[in-house]
Each structure stands twice: as structure tokens, then as C-alpha cells.
Amino acid sequence: MVFDDEKALIVRDNQFYYLVAKELPYEKPIVAQKICVVSPLVKVKNSRLIRFNRKWHYIIPNSFVKQGFDDVLLTKLPTDFKIVYSINRDKGANYLIKSNKQVAGVNISIDYKNNAYSYNPIPKLNPLSTVFTSAQDDVDDNFLRDDRNFYLINYDLNFRDVTSQFIKEKKTGFNKMSINFNSFHEAIFSDGSNTLWIYFKDGISLSDGTDPNFMPIEAKFLNADNKIIVYDGKYYTDGWAAANEVDNVDLSKVNDKASLVLLPDGPYADKYQCYRIENYCLLPDGPLPAIDKMQKLSAISSYGSSMPALRVSQNFIYREENTDSISHTSAVKFLVKAYAFDDKILIENKLIDNPANREKMVFIGALANVIVPCDGGRGQNHAVIVKYRYFFKNDKTIYTYYSSENNLQVLSDCKPGEIKVDNFDDLQKLAKLIVKK
């Protein structure tokens, strides 16, 4: 497997790259559609963006066309670029990219026989120093900035230059300003001085008739929690209240302001007790809650070999959708397609012995082996079976695991320092060592 998302996955063998759809019409067989011939010139960004024949292509499954997928030729995309932000829109997608020359928005739409894309460079931004910060809410604007320029950009990649709204001289460049979000997902920017820039999604109406999105106030945060604002000797729990000088809160009942934080579930607490807000006053509200030490680890998805999310307590690992638990004493290490802890590794929902040094262990990559391929749409209607060859390494040894086996194997004919992570040529090199055995 090379890449996958909710719609499809890209796999390859020694000859071709293939696209495999995850969503199929009722009773239709799974078909691995050929994309292009394997070549050192082929580049794959994700399961939709692939470069071959010297051009970038956007591909998405479509069972109603002969080749099995829609193919949008993206002639304006540079040869090399980094995806800064992306959002899939059903079959279409939006990508914010930056190359060594520019930052640009790419919008791709798939609409029956009217597939199209647009490429819109964003002026003045220096791609080498541009930083992107996602909004805390999908409907809000994101923040895109370099040293001298600041843009608001939404999920459709429509952008607005708001540089001129920062009328007060800053202590540092836009890209070096820190950003904090409060419980209302409201953004507040700071340059390290006693000035805070409060962000207003819909603007704030000023006496001069303007409605800027940013308003500077001479203020600071109460402590390192960066939630409560101290402005003109008063305390505020959000930037809107501080900017409008309303709804300040009374902290006179708080024992230790330096340790006052907003807990994830809502109430405030210092190192002594919890507090509730009543009539704009923080009042004592009982002892500190017990610390929830349950950690959640994300699910691992692979075509036919997925693992559910894990919940990890101090002594047990619980698999979501399962009733069993696994005892453990060490920390749980995420290895992209597996989890390692104690002297075990959990891979493809199978718990096996792990002879590797867990703390130094890293995931190199995996190769897909199509055991039962698709029937090419000829109506045989049998299931596609895919197995995987996984590779791991630590500082001294390379290990491999093949689907359904009961142990990790050592590859002694290659040194870990010679193998790069996520490099297909190196994965092929390791696979050849196994064949020789």
C-alpha cells in the first residue's frame, strides 16, 4: 500500500500503480485499476494526487467510466511542492500548497463530464517563511502568514489580505507571533510584548466606521494557561469581553492565580480546588477531580487489516468494539501500523512477541501483496485478499512481519543505517532479501 483515504487506496507491485475503490455499487466486484507504470519519476502525494508522464493527476474512483476512475490533469502544479492544508469534498478536493517559488490554492471539482480545477497563487507570500494555522472550527477562517503579510483563508481557499489591520507596530513578524485559542475557539495573537491582538471572525465595528478582524489591546495573559486576560487591572475570560471592556470577572476568591487553569471539561481550578463562575465571580466549588489517566490511541486503518482505537490505562489496554483487555506495565509506543509495549507488539489485531528494543523501534514501511486480485469486472464476484509485509528497525536490527504470522523475523543481511524510513526503493530492497531466503 502507498496511500489510502476514505474513498480509495493506491497500491503498487513491480510493474504498475493501481487504484482500489473502497466504496462500490451493490454487488460489484473490487477492481484494482491500473494508473501508470512504475518509474523513479512517479511521485505520489496521497491517494488522489499522483505525478506520472511529467504531469500531476488528480484521480478518484468512478465505476461508470471505462478506466475506472476520473483523471483531472493538473498542468499548472509545480513539480515539487508541499501540501500545507487539504480538505476532501466528496469526490473533489481543495489543497493549499507551497513550492520553493509560491504559495497557492488548488480547487478540484468532479462534476459529471465537467471535471475542472483552478490554481490560484497567493500574492506576496514568501513560501520559505510562510506558516499556516488551522482554525479550531471548520466553519472559521484559517490563518496564513509570513514575516510581513497576513491572510485569512477559509476551507474553500478563498483568501483575504488583512495585513493592514495590524496598525500597531509589532515586536516580531507575523509568522513568529504565538496564537492561543480559548474555550470559545476564539484566536488571540501575541508578539511577546504587552499587546494582544483579538480576532473577530465577523469583524468588530469601530467608531471610525471600519470593521477589522483584529483589534489590539494593551494586555497580557494571567499565566501560562493563556486563557484569562488581564486588561487595565481587570480579568476577562475571553477576548471579545476584553476588547469591549465588559463582563470582567472577579478572582478575589481564587487561592492561587498563578496555577489557575481552565479544565478540559469546563470548570476552572488552581492547585488547591475547583471554581465555578457565578455572577462573573469565580467561587470555590469543591475539591480537584480525580485525574483521568485513560489515554486514547487512534485506530489504524489498512485495507482488510484495520485495528480499532485503543484506550490505555495505567495497567490495561482496551480495544474499542472488543470486550477483552491486555495487561501492560510499560508505555505504549505508536509504530504507524502497530503498537509496541513491554515485550509485545500488537499488529493486525494480533499480539505477538517483540524481540526488538521497543524504545528505539521505528516503522520503515509496508508492501501490499494482492493474494486474490480483482476479476476485472467479469462477474466472478469474489473477494479481494490483500496481505502486507511490514518492516521495522531499531539501532541494530531490521525486523519484518507478514500478515497472519506469529512472530517478527530478523533480516540480518542489511544494516539499519542503510535503510531509510518511508522509502519505496529501500522497501523493495528488503523484500528481495526475503525472496532470496
Protein backbone atom coordinates (compact mmCIF):
# COMPACT_ATOMS: atom_id res chain seq x y z
CA MET A 1 0.00 0.00 0.00
CA VAL A 2 1.23 3.50 -0.85
CA PHE A 3 -1.61 5.78 0.38
CA ASP A 4 -5.26 5.48 1.36
CA ASP A 5 -8.21 7.66 2.38
CA GLU A 6 -11.96 7.21 2.82
CA LYS A 7 -12.55 6.78 -0.93
CA ALA A 8 -9.68 4.67 -2.22
CA LEU A 9 -6.17 3.38 -1.78
CA ILE A 10 -3.16 3.29 -4.09
CA VAL A 11 -1.08 0.12 -4.21
CA ARG A 12 1.76 -0.98 -6.44
CA ASP A 13 3.67 -4.03 -7.49
CA ASN A 14 6.87 -4.27 -9.53
CA GLN A 15 5.16 -3.08 -12.70
CA PHE A 16 2.22 -0.79 -12.01
CA TYR A 17 0.47 1.57 -9.61
CA TYR A 18 -3.19 0.67 -9.00
CA LEU A 19 -6.24 2.46 -7.62
CA VAL A 20 -8.64 0.40 -5.48
CA ALA A 21 -12.02 1.90 -4.62
CA LYS A 22 -13.37 1.47 -1.08
CA GLU A 23 -16.97 2.30 -1.98
CA LEU A 24 -18.58 0.08 -4.61
CA PRO A 25 -22.04 -0.19 -6.17
CA TYR A 26 -24.10 -3.06 -4.78
CA GLU A 27 -22.74 -6.50 -5.75
CA LYS A 28 -19.94 -5.00 -7.85
CA PRO A 29 -16.53 -6.73 -7.53
CA ILE A 30 -13.49 -4.93 -6.20
CA VAL A 31 -11.24 -3.95 -9.09
CA ALA A 32 -7.64 -2.74 -8.93
CA GLN A 33 -7.43 -0.22 -11.77
CA LYS A 34 -4.06 0.42 -13.41
CA ILE A 35 -2.89 4.02 -13.07
CA CYS A 36 0.60 4.07 -14.52
CA VAL A 37 3.82 2.13 -14.95
CA VAL A 38 6.25 2.06 -12.02
CA SER A 39 9.09 4.53 -12.58
CA PRO A 40 11.54 6.58 -10.47
CA LEU A 41 9.83 9.66 -11.94
CA VAL A 42 6.45 8.79 -10.42
CA LYS A 43 5.53 10.80 -7.31
CA VAL A 44 2.56 10.14 -5.03
CA LYS A 45 1.33 12.81 -2.60
CA ASN A 46 -1.75 11.00 -1.35
CA SER A 47 -4.40 8.61 -2.62
CA ARG A 48 -5.66 11.26 -5.06
CA LEU A 49 -2.57 13.13 -6.25
CA ILE A 50 -0.02 11.27 -8.36
CA ARG A 51 2.57 12.53 -10.85
CA PHE A 52 3.38 10.48 -13.94
CA ASN A 53 4.23 11.33 -17.56
CA ARG A 54 5.72 14.57 -16.19
CA LYS A 55 2.32 15.90 -15.04
CA TRP A 56 0.31 15.82 -11.82
CA HIS A 57 -3.00 13.97 -11.95
CA TYR A 58 -5.97 14.02 -9.59
CA ILE A 59 -7.65 10.61 -9.62
CA ILE A 60 -10.83 9.44 -7.92
CA PRO A 61 -12.79 6.17 -8.41
CA ASN A 62 -15.64 6.24 -10.92
CA SER A 63 -17.12 2.83 -11.79
CA PHE A 64 -19.13 4.34 -14.67
CA VAL A 65 -16.15 5.20 -16.87
CA LYS A 66 -14.05 2.68 -18.78
CA GLN A 67 -10.76 3.22 -16.95
CA GLY A 68 -12.48 3.01 -13.57
CA PHE A 69 -11.55 6.47 -12.31
CA ASP A 70 -11.80 10.15 -13.15
CA ASP A 71 -8.47 11.74 -14.05
CA VAL A 72 -8.01 15.52 -13.88
CA LEU A 73 -4.74 16.71 -15.42
CA LEU A 74 -3.21 19.43 -13.21
CA THR A 75 -0.89 21.15 -15.66
CA LYS A 76 -0.19 24.22 -13.51
CA LEU A 77 1.07 22.41 -10.43
CA PRO A 78 4.84 22.69 -9.87
CA THR A 79 6.97 19.56 -9.98
CA ASP A 80 7.74 19.70 -6.26
CA PHE A 81 5.50 21.12 -3.56
CA LYS A 82 4.29 20.54 -0.02
CA ILE A 83 0.62 20.25 0.92
CA VAL A 84 0.07 22.72 3.76
CA TYR A 85 -3.67 22.17 4.18
CA SER A 86 -6.20 19.93 2.47
CA ILE A 87 -9.85 19.06 2.63
CA ASN A 88 -11.64 16.38 0.63
CA ARG A 89 -15.01 17.49 -0.73
CA ASP A 90 -16.76 14.21 -1.64
CA LYS A 91 -15.02 13.46 -4.95
CA GLY A 92 -13.35 16.84 -5.21
CA ALA A 93 -10.69 18.40 -3.00
CA ASN A 94 -9.02 21.66 -2.00
CA TYR A 95 -5.26 21.87 -1.44
CA LEU A 96 -3.19 24.73 -0.11
CA ILE A 97 0.33 24.08 -1.38
CA LYS A 98 3.70 25.76 -1.30
CA SER A 99 6.67 25.23 -3.57
CA ASN A 100 10.03 26.99 -3.47
CA LYS A 101 8.50 29.80 -5.55
CA GLN A 102 4.97 30.47 -4.29
CA VAL A 103 2.01 29.58 -2.11
CA ALA A 104 -1.16 28.67 -4.00
CA GLY A 105 -4.66 27.31 -3.60
CA VAL A 106 -5.78 24.38 -5.76
CA ASN A 107 -9.51 23.64 -6.07
CA ILE A 108 -10.61 20.47 -7.84
CA SER A 109 -14.23 19.70 -8.68
CA ILE A 110 -15.64 16.45 -10.06
CA ASP A 111 -18.99 17.01 -11.76
CA TYR A 112 -20.30 14.61 -14.41
CA LYS A 113 -18.34 15.35 -17.61
CA ASN A 114 -17.36 18.77 -16.26
CA ASN A 115 -14.32 17.99 -14.14
CA ALA A 116 -12.20 21.07 -13.56
CA TYR A 117 -9.59 22.65 -11.35
CA SER A 118 -8.24 26.10 -10.55
CA TYR A 119 -4.75 27.18 -9.47
CA ASN A 120 -4.61 30.48 -7.57
CA PRO A 121 -1.24 31.82 -6.37
CA ILE A 122 -1.48 33.92 -3.21
CA PRO A 123 0.44 37.17 -3.80
CA LYS A 124 3.37 38.50 -1.77
CA LEU A 125 3.82 35.45 0.48
CA ASN A 126 7.34 34.09 0.84
CA PRO A 127 6.88 30.28 0.75
CA LEU A 128 10.09 29.70 2.68
CA SER A 129 8.80 31.59 5.73
CA THR A 130 5.03 31.06 5.40
CA VAL A 131 3.25 29.30 8.26
CA PHE A 132 -0.32 28.01 8.40
CA THR A 133 -2.53 27.65 11.49
CA SER A 134 -5.86 25.83 11.33
CA ALA A 135 -8.91 27.36 12.93
CA GLN A 136 -10.46 25.46 15.82
CA ASP A 137 -13.78 25.24 14.00
CA ASP A 138 -14.26 24.05 10.41
CA VAL A 139 -16.51 26.99 9.56
CA ASP A 140 -13.97 29.61 10.67
CA ASP A 141 -11.14 31.13 8.67
CA ASN A 142 -7.64 29.71 8.94
CA PHE A 143 -4.53 31.85 9.38
CA LEU A 144 -1.79 32.10 6.74
CA ARG A 145 1.18 34.37 7.26
CA ASP A 146 4.83 35.06 6.56
CA ASP A 147 7.05 37.69 8.14
CA ARG A 148 5.30 40.68 6.52
CA ASN A 149 1.93 39.50 5.23
CA PHE A 150 -1.17 38.06 6.87
CA TYR A 151 -4.12 36.34 5.16
CA LEU A 152 -7.37 34.80 6.34
CA ILE A 153 -8.24 31.75 4.25
CA ASN A 154 -11.31 29.50 4.50
CA TYR A 155 -11.84 25.83 3.66
CA ASP A 156 -12.71 26.77 0.06
CA LEU A 157 -9.32 28.55 -0.09
CA ASN A 158 -10.87 31.97 -0.58
CA PHE A 159 -8.37 34.37 0.97
CA ARG A 160 -8.33 37.96 2.26
CA ASP A 161 -5.29 40.13 2.93
CA VAL A 162 -5.65 41.56 6.46
CA THR A 163 -2.08 42.82 6.84
CA SER A 164 -3.18 46.45 7.06
CA GLN A 165 -5.42 45.68 10.06
CA PHE A 166 -2.33 45.34 12.25
CA ILE A 167 -1.95 49.09 12.52
CA LYS A 168 0.04 48.94 15.76
CA GLU A 169 3.74 48.19 15.32
CA LYS A 170 4.58 44.60 16.17
CA LYS A 171 7.60 43.32 18.05
CA THR A 172 8.09 40.39 15.68
CA GLY A 173 7.00 39.07 12.28
CA PHE A 174 3.54 37.62 11.71
CA ASN A 175 4.98 34.12 11.34
CA LYS A 176 6.63 34.30 14.76
CA MET A 177 3.56 35.51 16.66
CA SER A 178 2.08 32.97 19.07
CA ILE A 179 -1.59 32.06 18.79
CA ASN A 180 -3.89 30.85 21.57
CA PHE A 181 -7.45 29.57 21.42
CA ASN A 182 -9.85 29.87 24.34
CA SER A 183 -12.84 27.65 25.13
CA PHE A 184 -14.91 29.51 22.51
CA HIS A 185 -12.33 28.64 19.79
CA GLU A 186 -11.50 32.35 19.68
CA ALA A 187 -7.99 33.18 18.47
CA ILE A 188 -5.73 35.64 20.27
CA PHE A 189 -2.33 36.58 18.83
CA SER A 190 0.68 37.78 20.81
CA ASP A 191 4.09 39.09 19.76
CA GLY A 192 5.65 38.62 23.21
CA SER A 193 5.06 42.21 24.32
CA ASN A 194 2.13 43.58 26.34
CA THR A 195 -0.07 43.74 23.25
CA LEU A 196 -2.69 41.13 22.37
CA TRP A 197 -4.47 41.06 19.01
CA ILE A 198 -8.04 39.81 19.45
CA TYR A 199 -9.53 38.07 16.40
CA PHE A 200 -13.17 38.65 15.46
CA LYS A 201 -14.48 36.33 12.77
CA ASP A 202 -17.17 38.76 11.60
CA GLY A 203 -15.21 41.91 12.44
CA ILE A 204 -15.66 44.45 15.21
CA SER A 205 -17.34 47.78 14.48
CA LEU A 206 -15.16 50.74 15.45
CA SER A 207 -16.04 54.41 15.82
CA ASP A 208 -14.21 55.26 12.58
CA GLY A 209 -16.67 53.14 10.60
CA THR A 210 -14.30 50.24 9.94
CA ASP A 211 -14.91 46.59 10.84
CA PRO A 212 -11.46 44.98 11.23
CA ASN A 213 -11.00 41.34 12.18
CA PHE A 214 -8.15 42.17 14.57
CA MET A 215 -8.12 44.65 17.42
CA PRO A 216 -5.00 45.33 19.56
CA ILE A 217 -5.30 45.88 23.30
CA GLU A 218 -2.55 46.61 25.83
CA ALA A 219 -2.99 43.44 27.86
CA LYS A 220 -1.39 40.13 28.84
CA PHE A 221 -2.41 36.65 29.92
CA LEU A 222 -2.75 35.90 33.62
CA ASN A 223 -0.40 32.90 33.49
CA ALA A 224 0.98 30.19 31.21
CA ASP A 225 -2.50 28.72 30.67
CA ASN A 226 -3.11 31.66 28.27
CA LYS A 227 -6.86 31.73 28.88
CA ILE A 228 -7.63 34.61 31.26
CA ILE A 229 -6.71 38.09 30.01
CA VAL A 230 -5.50 40.87 32.32
CA TYR A 231 -6.50 44.23 30.81
CA ASP A 232 -6.40 47.57 32.63
CA GLY A 233 -6.29 45.80 36.01
CA LYS A 234 -9.34 43.65 35.29
CA TYR A 235 -9.75 39.98 34.38
CA TYR A 236 -11.58 38.63 31.33
CA THR A 237 -12.29 35.06 30.23
CA ASP A 238 -12.47 35.89 26.51
CA GLY A 239 -11.08 38.40 24.04
CA TRP A 240 -14.45 39.81 22.97
CA ALA A 241 -15.22 40.87 26.55
CA ALA A 242 -11.75 42.37 26.99
CA ALA A 243 -11.89 44.32 23.72
CA ASN A 244 -15.33 45.70 24.62
CA GLU A 245 -14.41 46.11 28.33
CA VAL A 246 -17.50 44.24 29.54
CA ASP A 247 -18.18 41.16 31.68
CA ASN A 248 -14.92 41.22 33.64
CA VAL A 249 -14.65 38.51 36.30
CA ASP A 250 -13.78 38.72 39.99
CA LEU A 251 -10.85 36.47 41.00
CA SER A 252 -10.65 37.60 44.64
CA LYS A 253 -11.78 34.16 45.89
CA VAL A 254 -9.08 32.30 43.94
CA ASN A 255 -6.34 30.94 46.20
CA ASP A 256 -3.53 30.79 43.65
CA LYS A 257 -3.92 32.79 40.43
CA ALA A 258 -0.56 31.59 39.10
CA SER A 259 -1.85 28.00 38.83
CA LEU A 260 -5.40 28.84 37.72
CA VAL A 261 -6.36 26.84 34.61
CA LEU A 262 -9.45 26.04 32.60
CA LEU A 263 -10.01 22.28 32.80
CA PRO A 264 -10.97 20.37 29.61
CA ASP A 265 -14.49 19.67 30.89
CA GLY A 266 -15.23 23.29 31.72
CA PRO A 267 -14.60 24.36 35.34
CA TYR A 268 -11.60 26.36 36.48
CA ALA A 269 -9.14 25.03 39.04
CA ASP A 270 -5.95 26.07 40.77
CA LYS A 271 -3.65 23.65 42.57
CA TYR A 272 -5.99 23.60 45.58
CA GLN A 273 -9.58 23.33 44.34
CA CYS A 274 -12.15 23.86 41.57
CA TYR A 275 -14.09 27.06 40.89
CA ARG A 276 -17.40 27.87 39.22
CA ILE A 277 -18.40 31.16 37.61
CA GLU A 278 -21.41 32.78 39.24
CA ASN A 279 -22.41 36.39 38.56
CA TYR A 280 -18.97 36.98 36.95
CA CYS A 281 -17.18 35.77 40.05
CA LEU A 282 -15.07 32.62 40.45
CA LEU A 283 -16.30 30.86 43.59
CA PRO A 284 -14.88 27.74 45.31
CA ASP A 285 -16.66 24.65 44.01
CA GLY A 286 -15.21 21.57 45.67
CA PRO A 287 -12.01 19.52 45.56
CA LEU A 288 -10.00 18.76 42.45
CA PRO A 289 -11.40 15.90 40.34
CA ALA A 290 -9.57 12.63 40.08
CA ILE A 291 -7.15 12.67 37.19
CA ASP A 292 -8.37 10.58 34.28
CA LYS A 293 -5.32 8.61 33.19
CA MET A 294 -7.08 6.82 30.33
CA GLN A 295 -5.26 7.60 27.09
CA LYS A 296 -6.92 7.16 23.69
CA LEU A 297 -4.86 5.94 20.73
CA SER A 298 -6.24 6.30 17.22
CA ALA A 299 -7.48 3.41 15.11
CA ILE A 300 -5.11 2.04 12.46
CA SER A 301 -6.63 1.61 9.00
CA SER A 302 -5.37 -0.71 6.28
CA TYR A 303 -7.39 -2.36 3.55
CA GLY A 304 -8.60 -5.59 5.16
CA SER A 305 -6.28 -5.29 8.17
CA SER A 306 -7.59 -2.48 10.36
CA MET A 307 -7.27 -2.17 14.14
CA PRO A 308 -9.78 -0.37 16.37
CA ALA A 309 -8.84 2.55 18.58
CA LEU A 310 -7.24 1.72 21.92
CA ARG A 311 -7.88 3.09 25.38
CA VAL A 312 -4.87 2.79 27.65
CA SER A 313 -4.95 2.95 31.44
CA GLN A 314 -2.03 2.55 33.78
CA ASN A 315 -2.30 -1.26 33.75
CA PHE A 316 -4.59 -2.28 30.89
CA ILE A 317 -5.16 -1.73 27.17
CA TYR A 318 -8.77 -1.87 25.95
CA ARG A 319 -9.68 -2.33 22.30
CA GLU A 320 -12.80 -0.43 21.25
CA GLU A 321 -15.54 -2.70 19.91
CA ASN A 322 -13.97 -5.58 21.91
CA THR A 323 -14.65 -6.76 25.44
CA ASP A 324 -11.16 -8.08 26.12
CA SER A 325 -8.23 -6.25 27.70
CA ILE A 326 -4.45 -6.61 27.57
CA SER A 327 -2.32 -6.04 30.65
CA HIS A 328 0.83 -3.95 30.35
CA THR A 329 3.41 -2.20 32.51
CA SER A 330 5.35 -0.03 30.03
CA ALA A 331 4.31 2.93 27.93
CA VAL A 332 2.58 2.12 24.62
CA LYS A 333 4.56 3.18 21.54
CA PHE A 334 2.80 4.06 18.27
CA LEU A 335 4.51 2.48 15.23
CA VAL A 336 2.18 3.74 12.43
CA LYS A 337 0.74 0.27 11.70
CA ALA A 338 1.29 -1.33 15.11
CA TYR A 339 1.63 -0.65 18.84
CA ALA A 340 4.56 -1.84 20.96
CA PHE A 341 4.65 -2.24 24.75
CA ASP A 342 6.51 -4.42 27.27
CA ASP A 343 7.99 -7.24 25.14
CA LYS A 344 4.96 -7.43 22.81
CA ILE A 345 3.75 -5.86 19.59
CA LEU A 346 0.06 -5.53 18.62
CA ILE A 347 -0.26 -5.71 14.83
CA GLU A 348 -3.32 -6.52 12.70
CA ASN A 349 -5.17 -7.18 15.98
CA LYS A 350 -2.67 -9.92 16.81
CA LEU A 351 -0.46 -9.84 19.91
CA ILE A 352 2.97 -11.36 19.30
CA ASP A 353 6.38 -11.37 20.96
CA ASN A 354 8.66 -8.44 20.16
CA PRO A 355 12.41 -9.12 20.39
CA ALA A 356 13.25 -5.55 19.33
CA ASN A 357 14.29 -2.65 21.53
CA ARG A 358 10.87 -1.05 21.85
CA GLU A 359 12.04 2.46 22.67
CA LYS A 360 14.36 2.63 19.64
CA MET A 361 11.99 0.81 17.29
CA VAL A 362 10.62 2.67 14.22
CA PHE A 363 8.31 1.72 11.36
CA ILE A 364 10.10 1.64 7.98
CA GLY A 365 7.11 0.94 5.74
CA ALA A 366 4.91 -1.79 4.30
CA LEU A 367 4.28 -3.51 0.97
CA ALA A 368 0.90 -4.84 -0.13
CA ASN A 369 0.67 -8.35 -1.60
CA VAL A 370 -2.57 -8.97 -3.52
CA ILE A 371 -3.23 -12.69 -2.94
CA VAL A 372 -6.60 -12.82 -4.68
CA PRO A 373 -6.86 -9.99 -7.22
CA CYS A 374 -9.99 -8.46 -8.65
CA ASP A 375 -11.68 -10.18 -11.57
CA GLY A 376 -11.53 -7.11 -13.80
CA GLY A 377 -15.28 -6.69 -13.69
CA ARG A 378 -16.05 -10.07 -15.32
CA GLY A 379 -18.65 -11.03 -12.75
CA GLN A 380 -16.80 -13.64 -10.71
CA ASN A 381 -17.69 -11.60 -7.66
CA HIS A 382 -15.00 -12.99 -5.35
CA ALA A 383 -13.39 -11.11 -2.50
CA VAL A 384 -10.04 -9.42 -2.99
CA ILE A 385 -7.49 -10.64 -0.43
CA VAL A 386 -4.57 -8.38 0.42
CA LYS A 387 -1.75 -9.26 2.80
CA TYR A 388 1.02 -6.96 3.96
CA ARG A 389 4.73 -7.20 4.54
CA TYR A 390 5.73 -4.81 7.35
CA PHE A 391 9.26 -3.65 8.13
CA PHE A 392 10.62 -2.20 11.39
CA LYS A 393 14.08 -1.37 12.68
CA ASN A 394 15.95 -0.25 15.76
CA ASP A 395 19.58 0.83 16.02
CA LYS A 396 20.97 -2.68 15.48
CA THR A 397 18.45 -4.86 13.64
CA ILE A 398 15.80 -4.87 10.90
CA TYR A 399 12.61 -6.87 11.51
CA THR A 400 9.77 -7.94 9.24
CA TYR A 401 6.25 -9.23 9.81
CA TYR A 402 3.89 -10.80 7.27
CA SER A 403 0.10 -10.86 7.71
CA SER A 404 -1.20 -13.75 9.86
CA GLU A 405 2.25 -14.91 11.00
CA ASN A 406 3.03 -15.40 14.68
CA ASN A 407 6.37 -13.66 15.04
CA LEU A 408 8.75 -10.99 13.81
CA GLN A 409 11.60 -12.19 11.62
CA VAL A 410 15.12 -10.76 11.67
CA LEU A 411 16.70 -9.59 8.40
CA SER A 412 20.40 -9.98 9.09
CA ASP A 413 21.68 -9.24 5.57
CA CYS A 414 21.12 -5.49 5.78
CA LYS A 415 22.17 -2.81 8.26
CA PRO A 416 19.54 -0.47 9.78
CA GLY A 417 21.61 2.60 8.91
CA GLU A 418 21.42 1.71 5.22
CA ILE A 419 17.61 1.74 5.15
CA LYS A 420 15.58 4.95 5.10
CA VAL A 421 12.08 5.28 6.53
CA ASP A 422 9.18 5.52 4.04
CA ASN A 423 11.42 4.92 1.01
CA PHE A 424 9.93 2.55 -1.55
CA ASP A 425 13.24 1.59 -3.15
CA ASP A 426 14.58 0.53 0.24
CA LEU A 427 11.40 -1.47 0.91
CA GLN A 428 11.90 -3.28 -2.39
CA LYS A 429 15.49 -3.98 -1.39
CA LEU A 430 14.32 -5.59 1.85
CA ALA A 431 11.64 -7.59 0.04
CA LYS A 432 14.27 -9.06 -2.29
CA LEU A 433 16.27 -10.24 0.72
CA ILE A 434 13.24 -12.23 1.88
CA VAL A 435 12.75 -13.78 -1.56
CA LYS A 436 16.39 -14.94 -1.58
CA LYS A 437 15.76 -16.86 1.63
